[in-house]
Amino acid sequence: MTLAQLTDDALEFVSVYHLATLSTPLPDQSIHVVPVGFTWHGGLVRIITSRGSQKVLNVRRTGTASVCQVERARWITFSGAASILEDADAVRQAEELYAGRYRQPRPNPERVVIAIDPTRILASRGLLVASE
């Protein structure tokens, strides 16, 4: 499966201030959904969070997640393999990207990054390049 390509409108949509929801599976197979800020850079979704959060526990257990951003009738969802990045360089890069889209994050010595490497991108009309 080829990953869908984002249009210029989609790239703008995921670069300006909008919140999203992160969905991860809980042990009972229900879905844990929480509001998050995220960044899209270099084909990777990044979400900064605290090491002990439920979303981190879920990603560590299942290795999968989806993030969905909605504004009126426009929406985009990135789904795929998820991992936790803990090294200082990865956290620093994610904080810098977050600051560029939202605001400078407060200091957090427990910060880690949820990284989603999308295997599927779904979106409303006009946000993905039409397939041949």
Foldseek 3Di string as FASTA:
>chain_A
DDEWAWDPVLQVVQQADFKKWKWFADPVRDIDIDIFRWHADPQKIKTKDFCPDPVQVRCVVPQWMKIKTDDPQKIKMFIAGKDKADDPVVQVVRQVSCCSHPRRDDDDPRMIMIMGNGPYMDIPPPTTDDDD
